């Protein structure tokens, strides 16, 4: 059982380099009692690629989550601002 949800969506956009990338990370439970880290990345507007890492316990999964988060922040990825749209 996961103690708290871990979800991340970050983007890196550099118009001068024609770069528009996204990266997502999520820690999720597996059907067999383990924990997985799901990573997805690619060009914004595309489906991109996905990779799943399986772990026996949550602490190992969270360690990978935080390591990848630090690496992406170091490379210039920033969280996407959430926009709340209400219909009238």
C-alpha atoms as a PDB file:
ATOM      1  CA  UNK A   1       0.000   0.000   0.000  1.00  0.00           C
ATOM      2  CA  UNK A   2       1.364   3.403  -0.963  1.00  0.00           C
ATOM      3  CA  UNK A   3       1.378   5.932   1.893  1.00  0.00           C
ATOM      4  CA  UNK A   4       0.849   8.970  -0.359  1.00  0.00           C
ATOM      5  CA  UNK A   5       0.518   9.548  -4.094  1.00  0.00           C
ATOM      6  CA  UNK A   6       3.567  10.601  -6.076  1.00  0.00           C
ATOM      7  CA  UNK A   7       2.796  12.183  -9.457  1.00  0.00           C
ATOM      8  CA  UNK A   8       4.888  14.603 -11.480  1.00  0.00           C
ATOM      9  CA  UNK A   9       4.471  16.334 -14.843  1.00  0.00           C
ATOM     10  CA  UNK A  10       7.252  18.654 -16.026  1.00  0.00           C
ATOM     11  CA  UNK A  11       8.094  20.336 -19.321  1.00  0.00           C
ATOM     12  CA  UNK A  12      11.171  21.785 -20.947  1.00  0.00           C
ATOM     13  CA  UNK A  13      10.551  24.291 -23.729  1.00  0.00           C
ATOM     14  CA  UNK A  14      13.295  26.146 -25.601  1.00  0.00           C
ATOM     15  CA  UNK A  15      11.904  27.854 -28.693  1.00  0.00           C
ATOM     16  CA  UNK A  16      15.365  28.814 -29.983  1.00  0.00           C
ATOM     17  CA  UNK A  17      16.266  25.087 -30.095  1.00  0.00           C
ATOM     18  CA  UNK A  18      12.818  23.989 -31.358  1.00  0.00           C
ATOM     19  CA  UNK A  19      12.564  21.907 -28.169  1.00  0.00           C
ATOM     20  CA  UNK A  20       9.285  21.092 -26.449  1.00  0.00           C
ATOM     21  CA  UNK A  21       9.562  18.048 -24.190  1.00  0.00           C
ATOM     22  CA  UNK A  22       7.497  16.549 -21.401  1.00  0.00           C
ATOM     23  CA  UNK A  23       8.302  14.066 -18.655  1.00  0.00           C
ATOM     24  CA  UNK A  24       5.921  12.318 -16.272  1.00  0.00           C
ATOM     25  CA  UNK A  25       6.611  10.181 -13.220  1.00  0.00           C
ATOM     26  CA  UNK A  26       4.192   8.276 -11.008  1.00  0.00           C
ATOM     27  CA  UNK A  27       4.560   5.806  -8.155  1.00  0.00           C
ATOM     28  CA  UNK A  28       1.742   3.250  -8.345  1.00  0.00           C
ATOM     29  CA  UNK A  29       0.833  -0.030  -6.643  1.00  0.00           C
ATOM     30  CA  UNK A  30       1.003  -3.242  -8.675  1.00  0.00           C
ATOM     31  CA  UNK A  31      -1.610  -5.989  -8.695  1.00  0.00           C
ATOM     32  CA  UNK A  32       0.695  -8.311  -6.755  1.00  0.00           C
ATOM     33  CA  UNK A  33       1.449  -6.070  -3.767  1.00  0.00           C
ATOM     34  CA  UNK A  34       4.585  -4.435  -5.147  1.00  0.00           C
ATOM     35  CA  UNK A  35       5.213  -0.870  -6.214  1.00  0.00           C
ATOM     36  CA  UNK A  36       6.036   0.516  -9.652  1.00  0.00           C
ATOM     37  CA  UNK A  37       7.483   3.751 -10.973  1.00  0.00           C
ATOM     38  CA  UNK A  38       5.984   4.645 -14.346  1.00  0.00           C
ATOM     39  CA  UNK A  39       8.030   7.064 -16.466  1.00  0.00           C
ATOM     40  CA  UNK A  40       6.824   8.621 -19.720  1.00  0.00           C
ATOM     41  CA  UNK A  41       8.594  11.177 -21.902  1.00  0.00           C
ATOM     42  CA  UNK A  42       8.618  12.671 -25.360  1.00  0.00           C
ATOM     43  CA  UNK A  43       7.818  15.699 -27.463  1.00  0.00           C
ATOM     44  CA  UNK A  44       4.809  17.703 -26.275  1.00  0.00           C
ATOM     45  CA  UNK A  45       1.799  16.740 -28.372  1.00  0.00           C
ATOM     46  CA  UNK A  46       2.996  13.171 -28.996  1.00  0.00           C
ATOM     47  CA  UNK A  47       2.397   9.948 -27.117  1.00  0.00           C
ATOM     48  CA  UNK A  48       6.089   9.557 -26.334  1.00  0.00           C
ATOM     49  CA  UNK A  49       7.693   6.534 -24.726  1.00  0.00           C
ATOM     50  CA  UNK A  50       7.040   4.740 -21.448  1.00  0.00           C
ATOM     51  CA  UNK A  51       9.109   2.675 -19.022  1.00  0.00           C
ATOM     52  CA  UNK A  52       7.988   0.814 -15.877  1.00  0.00           C
ATOM     53  CA  UNK A  53      10.298  -0.055 -12.955  1.00  0.00           C
ATOM     54  CA  UNK A  54       9.094  -2.678 -10.440  1.00  0.00           C
ATOM     55  CA  UNK A  55      10.040  -2.677  -6.742  1.00  0.00           C
ATOM     56  CA  UNK A  56       9.251  -4.779  -3.684  1.00  0.00           C
ATOM     57  CA  UNK A  57       8.770  -1.792  -1.385  1.00  0.00           C
ATOM     58  CA  UNK A  58       7.734   1.836  -1.563  1.00  0.00           C
ATOM     59  CA  UNK A  59      11.001   3.309  -0.235  1.00  0.00           C
ATOM     60  CA  UNK A  60      13.004   2.000  -3.220  1.00  0.00           C
ATOM     61  CA  UNK A  61      10.408   3.378  -5.638  1.00  0.00           C
ATOM     62  CA  UNK A  62      10.367   6.787  -3.946  1.00  0.00           C
ATOM     63  CA  UNK A  63      14.184   6.906  -4.037  1.00  0.00           C
ATOM     64  CA  UNK A  64      14.136   6.429  -7.829  1.00  0.00           C
ATOM     65  CA  UNK A  65      11.293   8.982  -8.141  1.00  0.00           C
ATOM     66  CA  UNK A  66      13.292  11.625  -6.245  1.00  0.00           C
ATOM     67  CA  UNK A  67      16.545  10.867  -8.093  1.00  0.00           C
ATOM     68  CA  UNK A  68      14.848  11.299 -11.479  1.00  0.00           C
ATOM     69  CA  UNK A  69      13.085  14.450 -10.255  1.00  0.00           C
ATOM     70  CA  UNK A  70      16.420  16.006  -9.233  1.00  0.00           C
ATOM     71  CA  UNK A  71      17.975  15.110 -12.598  1.00  0.00           C
ATOM     72  CA  UNK A  72      15.094  16.630 -14.574  1.00  0.00           C
ATOM     73  CA  UNK A  73      15.124  19.834 -12.503  1.00  0.00           C
ATOM     74  CA  UNK A  74      18.898  20.100 -13.069  1.00  0.00           C
ATOM     75  CA  UNK A  75      18.317  19.799 -16.824  1.00  0.00           C
ATOM     76  CA  UNK A  76      15.805  22.657 -16.835  1.00  0.00           C
ATOM     77  CA  UNK A  77      12.443  20.863 -16.652  1.00  0.00           C
ATOM     78  CA  UNK A  78       9.789  22.875 -14.816  1.00  0.00           C
ATOM     79  CA  UNK A  79       6.347  21.951 -13.485  1.00  0.00           C
ATOM     80  CA  UNK A  80       3.486  22.886 -15.787  1.00  0.00           C
ATOM     81  CA  UNK A  81       1.163  25.434 -14.238  1.00  0.00           C
ATOM     82  CA  UNK A  82      -2.277  23.969 -13.614  1.00  0.00           C
ATOM     83  CA  UNK A  83      -5.092  25.940 -15.230  1.00  0.00           C
ATOM     84  CA  UNK A  84      -8.552  25.495 -13.806  1.00  0.00           C
ATOM     85  CA  UNK A  85     -11.282  26.040 -16.388  1.00  0.00           C
ATOM     86  CA  UNK A  86     -14.904  26.442 -15.271  1.00  0.00           C
ATOM     87  CA  UNK A  87     -17.840  26.423 -17.628  1.00  0.00           C
ATOM     88  CA  UNK A  88     -20.551  28.962 -17.059  1.00  0.00           C
END
